[in-house]
Protein backbone atom coordinates (compact mmCIF):
# COMPACT_ATOMS: atom_id res chain seq x y z
CA MET A 1 84.94 68.62 -2.21
CA HIS A 2 81.31 68.47 -2.42
CA THR A 3 79.55 65.50 -3.32
CA LEU A 4 78.87 66.56 -6.71
CA ASP A 5 82.76 66.91 -7.65
CA TRP A 6 83.22 63.26 -5.24
CA ILE A 7 80.19 62.24 -8.38
CA ILE A 8 82.06 63.70 -11.26
CA VAL A 9 85.54 62.11 -10.10
CA ILE A 10 84.42 58.87 -9.64
CA GLY A 11 82.79 58.49 -12.57
CA PHE A 12 85.47 59.81 -14.45
CA LEU A 13 87.59 56.74 -12.94
CA ALA A 14 84.95 54.41 -13.66
CA ILE A 15 84.81 55.29 -17.29
CA LEU A 16 89.09 55.01 -17.46
CA THR A 17 88.62 51.48 -16.23
CA SER A 18 85.71 50.37 -18.25
CA ILE A 19 87.85 51.57 -21.07
CA GLY A 20 90.60 49.54 -20.61
CA PHE A 21 88.76 46.01 -19.83
CA PHE A 22 86.76 46.73 -22.92
CA PHE A 23 90.20 46.58 -25.12
CA SER A 24 91.36 43.92 -23.07
CA ARG A 25 88.76 41.55 -25.48
CA LYS A 26 90.93 42.87 -28.32
CA ASN A 27 94.01 41.48 -27.40
CA LYS A 28 95.06 38.38 -28.38
CA ASN A 29 98.47 38.06 -27.98
CA ILE A 30 101.23 40.23 -26.52
CA LYS A 31 102.06 42.06 -30.13
CA ASP A 32 98.54 43.33 -29.65
CA TYR A 33 99.08 44.05 -26.42
CA PHE A 34 101.88 46.09 -26.76
CA LEU A 35 101.99 47.52 -30.45
CA GLY A 36 98.00 47.39 -30.79
CA GLY A 37 99.02 45.69 -33.66
CA ARG A 38 100.16 48.04 -35.48
CA SER A 39 97.19 49.66 -37.09
CA MET A 40 96.62 52.81 -34.66
CA PRO A 41 95.42 55.74 -37.05
CA THR A 42 98.24 58.91 -37.26
CA TRP A 43 96.16 61.59 -35.00
CA LEU A 44 94.63 59.35 -32.42
CA VAL A 45 98.41 58.55 -31.59
CA ALA A 46 99.74 62.11 -31.65
CA PHE A 47 97.23 63.50 -29.37
CA ALA A 48 98.17 60.07 -27.08
CA ALA A 49 101.87 60.96 -27.37
CA VAL A 50 100.64 64.59 -25.99
CA GLY A 51 98.91 62.97 -23.65
CA THR A 52 102.21 61.32 -22.51
CA SER A 53 104.26 64.08 -22.67
CA ILE A 54 101.85 66.78 -20.88
CA SER A 55 101.96 64.90 -17.51
CA ALA A 56 101.36 66.33 -13.95
CA GLY A 57 104.72 68.44 -13.80
CA THR A 58 103.06 70.23 -16.88
CA PHE A 59 99.43 70.28 -15.01
CA VAL A 60 100.94 71.59 -11.52
CA GLY A 61 104.43 72.33 -12.49
CA ALA A 62 104.21 74.66 -15.17
CA PRO A 63 102.03 77.17 -13.11
CA GLN A 64 104.81 76.85 -10.52
CA ILE A 65 107.82 78.43 -12.96
CA ALA A 66 105.08 81.20 -14.39
CA PHE A 67 104.42 81.87 -10.64
CA ASP A 68 107.88 82.15 -9.68
CA SER A 69 109.66 83.09 -12.85
CA ASN A 70 108.64 84.10 -15.77
CA PHE A 71 107.56 82.43 -19.74
CA THR A 72 111.07 81.11 -20.64
CA TYR A 73 110.22 77.84 -19.88
CA ILE A 74 108.15 77.71 -23.35
CA MET A 75 111.46 77.44 -25.30
CA LEU A 76 112.24 73.92 -24.20
CA SER A 77 108.54 73.35 -26.20
CA VAL A 78 110.24 74.61 -28.91
CA GLY A 79 112.98 72.90 -28.47
CA ALA A 80 110.86 69.42 -28.22
CA ILE A 81 109.68 70.29 -31.57
CA ILE A 82 113.32 70.59 -32.95
CA GLY A 83 113.94 67.56 -31.33
CA GLY A 84 110.96 65.14 -32.48
CA LEU A 85 111.91 66.37 -36.33
CA MET A 86 115.48 65.72 -35.45
CA ALA A 87 113.79 61.90 -34.14
CA ALA A 88 111.69 61.62 -36.76
CA TYR A 89 114.24 61.26 -39.53
CA ILE A 90 117.74 59.98 -38.00
CA ILE A 91 116.60 57.34 -35.49
CA LEU A 92 112.65 56.38 -35.72
CA PRO A 93 113.30 54.77 -39.45
CA ALA A 94 115.66 52.62 -38.20
CA LEU A 95 113.76 51.29 -34.99
CA TYR A 96 111.14 50.88 -37.19
CA LYS A 97 111.99 48.70 -39.70
CA ALA A 98 113.94 46.18 -37.13
CA ASN A 99 110.03 45.25 -36.69
CA THR A 100 110.77 44.29 -32.61
CA ILE A 101 108.15 44.55 -29.85
CA THR A 102 110.72 47.47 -27.48
CA ILE A 103 112.95 49.71 -29.41
CA TYR A 104 115.67 47.53 -27.39
CA GLY A 105 115.32 45.17 -30.07
CA TYR A 106 116.89 47.15 -32.91
CA LEU A 107 119.70 47.03 -30.61
CA GLY A 108 119.99 43.66 -29.97
CA ASP A 109 119.88 43.43 -34.35
CA ARG A 110 122.71 45.60 -34.16
CA PHE A 111 125.44 44.39 -31.20
CA GLY A 112 124.01 41.31 -29.81
CA ASP A 113 121.55 40.29 -27.35
CA GLY A 114 123.65 41.87 -24.37
CA ALA A 115 123.26 44.89 -25.85
CA LYS A 116 119.25 44.90 -25.87
CA THR A 117 119.04 43.54 -22.02
CA SER A 118 122.10 45.92 -20.92
CA THR A 119 119.56 49.49 -22.15
CA SER A 120 116.80 47.51 -21.37
CA VAL A 121 117.26 47.80 -17.94
CA MET A 122 118.87 51.25 -17.99
CA PHE A 123 115.91 52.32 -19.46
CA LEU A 124 114.16 50.36 -16.52
CA ILE A 125 116.48 51.93 -13.78
CA GLY A 126 116.19 55.62 -15.13
CA GLN A 127 112.21 55.39 -15.99
CA LEU A 128 111.67 54.10 -12.24
CA LEU A 129 112.74 57.31 -10.78
CA THR A 130 111.48 59.99 -13.82
CA SER A 131 108.07 58.09 -14.05
CA GLY A 132 107.99 58.29 -10.11
CA SER A 133 108.48 61.88 -10.14
CA ARG A 134 105.26 62.56 -12.36
CA LEU A 135 103.52 59.91 -10.16
CA PHE A 136 104.70 62.08 -7.19
CA ILE A 137 104.11 65.61 -8.55
CA ALA A 138 100.27 64.31 -9.25
CA ALA A 139 99.95 63.43 -5.51
CA ILE A 140 100.74 66.82 -4.46
CA ALA A 141 97.21 68.45 -6.08
CA VAL A 142 95.69 64.92 -4.75
CA SER A 143 97.43 65.29 -1.28
CA VAL A 144 95.91 69.19 -0.81
CA MET A 145 92.43 67.83 -2.36
CA LEU A 146 92.06 64.85 0.41
CA TYR A 147 94.57 66.64 3.71
CA ASN A 148 94.94 70.47 2.68
CA ASP A 149 98.53 70.26 2.74
CA ILE A 150 101.47 68.07 1.38
CA MET A 151 102.73 66.45 3.99
CA MET A 152 104.42 63.98 3.38
CA PRO A 153 102.66 61.37 4.97
CA ASN A 154 99.33 62.55 3.47
CA LEU A 155 101.84 62.77 0.14
CA ILE A 156 102.82 58.92 0.67
CA LEU A 157 99.16 57.90 1.28
CA SER A 158 97.52 60.12 -1.98
CA ILE A 159 100.82 58.22 -3.92
CA LEU A 160 99.49 54.75 -3.12
CA ILE A 161 95.78 55.84 -4.19
CA LEU A 162 96.71 57.06 -7.74
CA GLY A 163 99.54 53.78 -8.34
CA LEU A 164 96.61 51.67 -7.48
CA VAL A 165 93.80 53.31 -9.80
CA SER A 166 96.32 53.37 -12.98
CA THR A 167 97.88 50.04 -12.53
CA ILE A 168 94.08 48.38 -12.83
CA TYR A 169 93.32 49.67 -15.84
CA THR A 170 96.96 49.50 -17.74
CA MET A 171 96.51 45.77 -16.93
CA ALA A 172 93.50 45.97 -18.17
CA GLY A 173 93.68 47.13 -21.61
CA GLY A 174 97.28 46.90 -22.74
CA ILE A 175 98.40 49.60 -25.56
CA LYS A 176 95.44 50.24 -27.77
CA GLY A 177 93.52 50.92 -25.04
CA LEU A 178 95.90 53.78 -23.17
CA ILE A 179 95.76 55.30 -26.66
CA TYR A 180 92.30 55.86 -26.51
CA ILE A 181 92.13 56.68 -23.08
CA ASP A 182 95.85 59.02 -23.54
CA THR A 183 93.36 61.01 -25.69
CA ILE A 184 90.29 61.69 -23.61
CA GLN A 185 92.73 62.38 -21.30
CA ILE A 186 94.53 65.08 -22.90
CA LEU A 187 91.52 66.82 -24.37
CA LEU A 188 89.94 67.08 -20.31
CA VAL A 189 93.63 68.66 -19.75
CA ILE A 190 93.31 71.17 -22.45
CA GLY A 191 89.72 71.67 -21.37
CA THR A 192 89.85 72.40 -17.91
CA GLY A 193 93.03 74.63 -18.25
CA LEU A 194 91.23 76.89 -20.42
CA VAL A 195 88.52 76.92 -17.83
CA ALA A 196 90.59 77.60 -14.97
CA ILE A 197 92.51 80.69 -16.94
CA TRP A 198 88.32 82.02 -17.26
CA LEU A 199 87.71 82.06 -13.98
CA LEU A 200 90.78 83.47 -12.81
CA LEU A 201 90.11 86.73 -15.09
CA ASP A 202 86.81 86.62 -14.12
CA ALA A 203 88.37 86.83 -10.40
CA ILE A 204 90.76 89.45 -10.74
CA PRO A 205 88.85 92.66 -11.08
CA LEU A 206 91.08 94.13 -13.78
CA PRO A 207 91.16 94.37 -17.63
CA ILE A 208 93.29 92.06 -19.64
CA ALA A 209 95.75 94.77 -20.62
CA ASP A 210 96.30 96.58 -17.36
CA ILE A 211 97.41 92.44 -15.85
CA VAL A 212 99.13 92.29 -18.83
CA ASP A 213 101.03 95.74 -17.98
CA ASN A 214 101.63 94.64 -14.19
CA LEU A 215 103.14 91.42 -15.16
CA ARG A 216 105.60 92.82 -17.43
CA HIS A 217 106.10 95.38 -14.76
CA SER A 218 106.43 93.29 -11.77
CA ALA A 219 109.11 93.64 -8.92
CA GLN A 220 110.47 90.30 -10.30
CA GLY A 221 110.79 91.90 -13.47
CA ASP A 222 109.37 90.75 -17.03
CA LYS A 223 106.85 88.06 -16.00
CA LEU A 224 105.74 87.48 -19.71
CA GLN A 225 109.11 87.37 -20.85
CA VAL A 226 109.49 84.70 -23.68
CA ILE A 227 113.04 85.23 -25.18
CA ASP A 228 116.32 84.93 -22.63
CA SER A 229 119.20 85.60 -25.08
CA SER A 230 122.15 85.60 -22.35
CA PHE A 231 125.05 83.16 -22.95
CA SER A 232 124.95 81.09 -20.06
CA PHE A 233 125.43 77.18 -19.24
CA SER A 234 123.66 77.89 -15.97
CA GLN A 235 120.31 79.18 -17.27
CA PRO A 236 118.09 76.13 -19.07
CA TYR A 237 115.84 77.95 -20.85
CA ASN A 238 117.47 80.37 -22.63
CA LEU A 239 117.81 80.69 -26.38
CA MET A 240 120.73 78.48 -26.55
CA GLY A 241 119.86 76.21 -23.87
CA ALA A 242 116.24 75.88 -25.55
CA LEU A 243 117.62 75.81 -29.28
CA ILE A 244 120.23 73.84 -29.22
CA ALA A 245 120.79 71.30 -25.40
CA CYS A 246 116.48 71.14 -24.63
CA ALA A 247 116.29 70.28 -28.64
CA ILE A 248 119.05 67.42 -28.00
CA PHE A 249 117.64 66.28 -24.75
CA LYS A 250 114.41 65.75 -26.79
CA PHE A 251 116.09 64.08 -29.78
CA ALA A 252 117.22 61.61 -26.60
CA GLN A 253 113.42 61.56 -25.21
CA TYR A 254 111.87 60.11 -28.32
CA SER A 255 114.94 58.29 -29.48
CA THR A 256 115.71 56.22 -26.73
CA ASP A 257 112.93 55.73 -24.10
CA GLN A 258 110.17 53.50 -25.05
CA GLU A 259 107.70 54.80 -23.23
CA PHE A 260 107.62 57.33 -25.85
CA VAL A 261 108.38 55.89 -28.64
CA GLN A 262 106.09 52.87 -28.23
CA ARG A 263 103.42 55.21 -29.23
CA GLN A 264 104.74 55.78 -32.68
CA LEU A 265 106.05 51.75 -33.11
CA THR A 266 102.07 50.88 -33.06
CA CYS A 267 101.68 53.26 -36.41
CA LYS A 268 101.09 51.50 -39.75
CA ASN A 269 104.07 52.74 -40.92
CA ILE A 270 107.47 55.15 -40.66
CA LYS A 271 105.62 57.93 -42.57
CA ASP A 272 102.81 57.99 -39.80
CA ALA A 273 104.73 57.15 -36.81
CA ALA A 274 106.86 60.62 -38.08
CA ARG A 275 103.99 62.53 -38.58
CA SER A 276 102.36 61.61 -34.92
CA LEU A 277 105.84 62.21 -33.26
CA VAL A 278 106.13 65.76 -34.84
CA SER A 279 102.21 66.79 -34.53
CA SER A 280 102.83 65.90 -31.49
CA GLN A 281 105.41 68.10 -29.79
CA VAL A 282 103.16 71.03 -32.04
CA ILE A 283 100.07 70.11 -29.98
CA SER A 284 101.97 70.04 -26.70
CA LEU A 285 103.21 74.10 -27.41
CA PRO A 286 99.54 75.80 -27.23
CA VAL A 287 99.11 73.55 -23.75
CA VAL A 288 101.95 74.32 -22.20
CA ILE A 289 101.33 78.21 -22.64
CA ILE A 290 98.05 77.61 -21.24
CA PHE A 291 99.25 76.35 -17.84
CA MET A 292 102.01 78.83 -17.99
CA ILE A 293 99.28 81.49 -18.60
CA ILE A 294 97.45 80.46 -15.36
CA GLY A 295 100.89 80.62 -13.03
CA SER A 296 101.18 83.93 -14.46
CA LEU A 297 97.38 85.03 -13.54
CA LEU A 298 97.90 83.25 -10.17
CA PHE A 299 100.66 85.73 -9.55
CA ILE A 300 98.36 88.40 -9.87
CA TYR A 301 95.93 86.22 -7.52
CA TYR A 302 98.17 85.39 -4.69
CA GLY A 303 100.71 87.93 -4.92
CA ARG A 304 99.22 91.23 -5.94
CA PRO A 305 96.74 91.79 -3.40
CA ASP A 306 97.01 95.26 -3.83
CA LEU A 307 96.29 94.75 -7.06
CA MET A 308 92.94 91.86 -5.93
CA GLY A 309 91.44 95.06 -3.22
CA ALA A 310 87.98 93.27 -1.64
CA ASN A 311 88.39 90.20 -4.58
CA ALA A 312 92.12 89.25 -2.81
CA PRO A 313 92.11 85.38 -1.36
CA ALA A 314 92.11 84.75 2.10
CA ASP A 315 94.16 81.67 2.26
CA ALA A 316 97.73 81.89 2.43
CA LEU A 317 100.53 80.83 -0.24
CA ASN A 318 102.56 78.47 1.93
CA ASP A 319 104.28 76.56 -0.99
CA SER A 320 104.22 77.69 -4.51
CA ARG A 321 104.35 73.92 -5.72
CA GLN A 322 101.08 73.78 -4.42
CA ILE A 323 99.90 77.06 -6.35
CA PHE A 324 97.38 75.82 -8.84
CA PRO A 325 95.90 72.39 -6.47
CA GLN A 326 95.54 75.55 -3.91
CA TYR A 327 93.67 77.63 -6.18
CA MET A 328 91.82 75.33 -7.39
CA PHE A 329 90.25 73.42 -3.84
CA ASN A 330 89.58 76.62 -2.24
CA HIS A 331 88.42 79.08 -5.06
CA MET A 332 86.40 76.66 -7.84
CA PRO A 333 83.29 76.55 -7.95
CA VAL A 334 80.70 72.88 -7.08
CA GLY A 335 81.18 71.42 -10.39
CA VAL A 336 83.98 72.96 -11.84
CA LEU A 337 86.06 71.41 -9.52
CA GLY A 338 85.09 68.33 -10.45
CA LEU A 339 86.02 68.57 -13.78
CA MET A 340 89.72 69.84 -12.83
CA VAL A 341 90.48 67.06 -10.22
CA VAL A 342 89.59 64.56 -13.74
CA GLY A 343 92.00 67.10 -15.99
CA LEU A 344 94.45 66.81 -12.96
CA LEU A 345 94.06 62.97 -12.73
CA ALA A 346 93.67 63.03 -16.53
CA ALA A 347 97.58 64.64 -16.54
CA ALA A 348 98.68 62.27 -13.71
CA LEU A 349 97.55 58.89 -14.87
CA SER A 350 98.09 59.51 -18.98
CA SER A 351 102.09 59.16 -18.25
CA PHE A 352 102.12 57.07 -14.97
CA ASN A 353 100.09 54.52 -17.27
CA SER A 354 102.15 54.63 -20.36
CA ALA A 355 105.39 54.76 -18.18
CA ILE A 356 103.94 51.15 -16.79
CA ASN A 357 103.02 49.88 -20.12
CA SER A 358 106.45 50.29 -21.92
CA MET A 359 108.61 49.14 -19.00
CA THR A 360 106.51 46.02 -18.71
CA SER A 361 107.11 45.54 -22.94
CA SER A 362 110.52 46.17 -21.84
CA LEU A 363 111.00 44.16 -19.13
CA PHE A 364 108.76 40.96 -20.20
CA SER A 365 110.19 41.24 -24.47
CA ASP A 366 113.82 42.07 -23.61
CA ILE A 367 114.89 40.26 -20.64
CA TYR A 368 111.84 37.76 -19.11
CA LEU A 369 110.53 36.20 -22.95
CA PRO A 370 114.47 35.57 -23.59
CA TRP A 371 115.17 33.73 -20.49
CA LYS A 372 111.91 31.76 -20.53
CA GLU A 373 112.11 30.73 -24.25
CA LYS A 374 115.99 29.40 -23.32
CA ARG A 375 114.63 26.70 -20.98
CA MET A 376 111.42 25.90 -22.26
CA ARG A 377 110.64 22.81 -24.09
CA PRO A 378 109.15 22.65 -27.62
CA GLY A 379 105.69 23.31 -27.95
CA GLU A 380 105.58 24.66 -24.02
CA GLY A 381 103.57 27.50 -24.32
CA SER A 382 100.75 29.85 -25.70
CA PRO A 383 99.83 33.40 -26.90
CA SER A 384 97.39 33.05 -23.95
CA THR A 385 99.42 32.27 -21.67
CA THR A 386 102.23 34.22 -22.47
CA LEU A 387 99.74 37.30 -22.66
CA LYS A 388 98.48 36.81 -18.89
CA GLU A 389 101.61 36.24 -17.99
CA SER A 390 102.73 39.93 -19.65
CA LYS A 391 99.33 41.16 -17.24
CA ILE A 392 100.81 39.93 -14.23
CA PHE A 393 104.63 42.13 -15.21
CA VAL A 394 102.28 45.28 -15.70
CA VAL A 395 100.97 44.23 -11.76
CA VAL A 396 104.07 44.50 -10.51
CA MET A 397 105.76 47.30 -12.54
CA GLY A 398 102.68 49.38 -11.56
CA VAL A 399 103.68 48.30 -7.67
CA VAL A 400 107.73 48.87 -7.89
CA LEU A 401 106.64 52.25 -9.64
CA THR A 402 104.74 53.56 -6.98
CA ALA A 403 107.25 52.69 -4.59
CA PHE A 404 109.45 54.60 -6.41
CA ALA A 405 107.04 57.99 -6.42
CA ILE A 406 107.77 57.68 -2.59
CA VAL A 407 112.08 57.57 -3.00
CA ALA A 408 111.27 60.75 -5.34
CA ALA A 409 108.80 62.35 -3.28
CA LEU A 410 111.84 62.46 -0.53
CA MET A 411 114.16 62.70 -3.03
CA GLN A 412 112.73 66.41 -3.89
CA GLY A 413 111.87 67.68 -0.77
CA ALA A 414 115.82 67.49 0.04
CA GLY A 415 116.48 69.78 -3.07
CA ASP A 416 115.53 72.76 -3.66
CA GLN A 417 114.39 72.46 -7.49
CA SER A 418 111.04 72.93 -8.87
CA LEU A 419 109.01 70.37 -9.83
CA VAL A 420 108.92 70.49 -13.47
CA ASP A 421 113.20 70.87 -13.22
CA PHE A 422 113.73 67.60 -10.57
CA ALA A 423 111.13 65.47 -12.91
CA LEU A 424 113.09 66.56 -16.28
CA GLY A 425 116.71 66.43 -14.57
CA ILE A 426 116.22 62.68 -13.32
CA MET A 427 115.81 61.65 -16.91
CA SER A 428 119.26 62.62 -17.90
CA PHE A 429 121.02 59.96 -15.85
CA SER A 430 119.92 56.99 -18.14
CA TYR A 431 119.41 59.36 -21.01
CA ALA A 432 122.84 60.45 -22.02
CA GLY A 433 124.26 56.72 -22.30
CA MET A 434 121.58 55.55 -24.34
CA LEU A 435 121.69 58.87 -26.69
CA GLY A 436 125.06 57.98 -27.04
CA VAL A 437 124.70 54.13 -27.76
CA PHE A 438 121.84 54.27 -30.13
CA LEU A 439 123.92 57.07 -32.26
CA CYS A 440 126.96 54.90 -32.37
CA ALA A 441 124.37 52.21 -33.71
CA VAL A 442 122.35 54.70 -36.54
CA LEU A 443 125.51 56.31 -37.56
CA THR A 444 128.46 53.93 -37.45
CA LYS A 445 129.08 50.66 -38.13
CA ARG A 446 131.26 50.64 -34.79
CA GLY A 447 130.65 48.94 -30.96
CA ASN A 448 129.53 46.03 -29.99
CA VAL A 449 128.44 44.80 -26.12
CA THR A 450 130.89 45.32 -24.91
CA SER A 451 131.67 49.20 -25.91
CA VAL A 452 127.54 49.32 -25.16
CA ILE A 453 127.73 48.22 -21.61
CA TRP A 454 130.49 51.01 -20.65
CA ALA A 455 128.61 53.76 -22.74
CA LEU A 456 125.96 53.14 -20.53
CA VAL A 457 127.87 53.46 -17.52
CA THR A 458 129.58 56.36 -18.27
CA GLY A 459 126.23 58.29 -19.29
CA CYS A 460 124.93 57.37 -15.55
CA LEU A 461 128.60 58.86 -14.35
CA VAL A 462 128.94 61.99 -16.57
CA VAL A 463 125.31 62.75 -15.60
CA LEU A 464 126.19 62.61 -11.43
CA LEU A 465 129.53 64.04 -12.20
CA LEU A 466 127.35 67.77 -13.31
CA GLN A 467 124.85 67.59 -10.06
CA PRO A 468 125.03 70.53 -8.47
CA GLY A 469 126.70 69.93 -5.38
CA ILE A 470 129.26 67.19 -6.96
CA LEU A 471 129.78 69.61 -9.99
CA ALA A 472 130.74 72.91 -7.75
CA TRP A 473 133.13 70.59 -5.46
CA TRP A 474 135.32 69.05 -8.24
CA SER A 475 134.64 72.49 -10.02
CA GLU A 476 136.48 74.52 -7.26
CA ALA A 477 138.89 71.98 -6.48
CA LEU A 478 140.09 72.24 -10.32
CA PHE A 479 139.25 76.05 -11.32
CA GLY A 480 139.29 77.77 -7.72
CA ALA A 481 135.83 78.74 -8.27
CA PRO A 482 132.49 76.64 -8.63
CA VAL A 483 130.85 75.91 -11.67
CA LYS A 484 127.12 75.83 -12.31
CA MET A 485 125.26 73.78 -15.41
CA ALA A 486 121.67 73.57 -15.58
CA TRP A 487 120.31 69.93 -16.73
CA VAL A 488 119.72 70.48 -19.86
CA TRP A 489 123.39 70.33 -20.81
CA TRP A 490 123.89 67.34 -18.89
CA VAL A 491 122.59 65.12 -21.58
CA VAL A 492 124.58 66.81 -24.07
CA ILE A 493 127.82 66.04 -22.55
CA GLY A 494 126.98 62.80 -21.46
CA GLY A 495 125.70 61.61 -24.51
CA ALA A 496 128.62 63.00 -27.00
CA ILE A 497 131.15 61.25 -24.20
CA SER A 498 129.26 57.78 -24.13
CA PHE A 499 129.02 58.02 -28.13
CA GLY A 500 132.81 57.81 -28.15
CA VAL A 501 133.35 55.38 -25.63
CA CYS A 502 130.90 53.15 -27.45
CA CYS A 503 132.03 53.59 -30.98
CA LEU A 504 135.56 52.57 -29.20
CA GLY A 505 134.49 48.95 -29.77
CA LYS A 506 134.87 47.18 -32.67
CA LYS A 507 131.97 45.45 -34.74
CA LYS A 508 131.99 41.81 -34.01
CA GLU A 509 130.66 40.33 -37.23
CA THR A 510 129.18 37.40 -35.46
CA ALA A 511 127.31 39.54 -32.77
CA ALA A 512 124.18 40.20 -34.86
CA VAL A 513 121.97 38.32 -33.33
CA LYS A 514 118.36 38.11 -34.52
CA ALA A 515 116.35 39.77 -31.28
C-alpha cells in the first residue's frame, strides 16, 4: 500500500478510538455500559445490527462463494428475514419484559439461577469459536495486505493486530459507542462494495449484457442461479434449506445469542426493538447481494482470461479464500485501496467488537456479579467501581477471543468448508441447546435447572454427531451408506431434541428467583 492508503487506514482507526473514548464519559453504570440506558433510536440500532450480521465473513467469504459456486447463498438472507420475524414476535417480548442486563437473566427468572449461569457459559463457549472464526476471516485480508500471502504465521500476526485495535475502542465506549461506530462501519462497507463493483465493471472489457450471459452459461453452470428447488438435506442453500432450516437457524441466533439480541435491548420499548430487528435483516439482504456480485465479476476477471484479453490480470489466483483481498491489493488505485481496507476493517471490527461487549456483559452480569454480591459486605461496592471492573473484563475477553481466533484459523485450515459455511456452522454447537431451552421457557411451563443443563449438553452432542466425518462414520455403520447433512439442519435437529429434553423437567415453584 502507498502512503496515502496508510494515512486513510490509520485515520479511520483513530476516529473509531476517539468515538469510543468520547462515549466513555457518558457511561455512569453498567446498565449504561451494556444497554445504553435503553434510549437508542430504532434506525440506529437497526443499522448497528446490520453491522453485527455483516461481518468479514460477508466481505471476504461471500465473494468466495459466488466465485466458486453461484448466488444461492442469497437465500440465507431470505431465511434470515423469516427468522427475524419469528424472533421478534415469539421470543423478544419475553426477553425485553424480563428487564435484565442479558437475555440469560430471563432464564434465571424462569428456571432458577443455575439455568442463567449454565446458558451464559454455553453462550461464552460457543461465542469464543464463532467470533474467533470471524476475526480469522478478516485477518486473511490483513495478511494479504501486509505480507501478500495467507501463510499461517502471517495470519496469526494479523489476528493479533486486529484483536488489539478492536479491544481498545470496545473497552472505552461501551454499547452506546459501539452502536454509533457499527452504524458508521456498515455504511462504509456498503460504499466500498459499490466502488468495487464499479471498478470491476470498468476493468472487464465487456458490456453488462455479455457479462451476465457468460455468467449464466459458464462451464460450471449458471453462476447467477438464486433459487435451488432440489430436495436435498446435503445442500445448505436450496429452497427447503433456506426457508425452513436457515430460518430456524436465524431464529435461534436472534433469540438466544446475546451478541445479536443485546442491540435490540437498547431500544426504548418492545415495538422499537422488534422493528429494528426485522429492519436490520431487510437491510442486510442488498448488502449480501453487493458482495455476491463482486465474486461473480471476479470469476470473469480471474477465471476467464479469454474474455479479458489484454486486460487479463498478471497475478495468478492460488486460493479462492483470498480472491477479493488479492484483487484489492493488486489492482485498486492509490487512495481507493485505502478506502477498501477501511471497509474491510469496518466489516471485521463491527462483528468482533460486538462479540467482546456481549460476551463481557454475559460473563460479568450473569456469572461474576452474582458471585461477587454473595461475598460483599453491606455498603461495599459502587457503580463507578463496578464500571471499572467491567472494562477490565472487556480487555480480558478481547485477549481470550483473539487467542481463539488463532484456534479457528488452525481448524479451518484443516477442513474443506468455505469460510462462510465454517463460520456459520460452528455457531450451531451452542445455538442448538439454547434454542431448545428458550423455546421451553417461552412456550411451556415445563423445565427446571437440571433439564436446562441436560438440554444444553444434548444440543452440543447432537451437533457433534452431525459433523461430516462423524456423521459419515456412524450412518454408514447403521445404514450401510454414509449420510451427508448440510450445516443449516444441525440447529433444527439439535434444537428439537434439546427442546424435548428440557421439557422433561418439571417446573419447581421455588426455582423462580429474581435475577
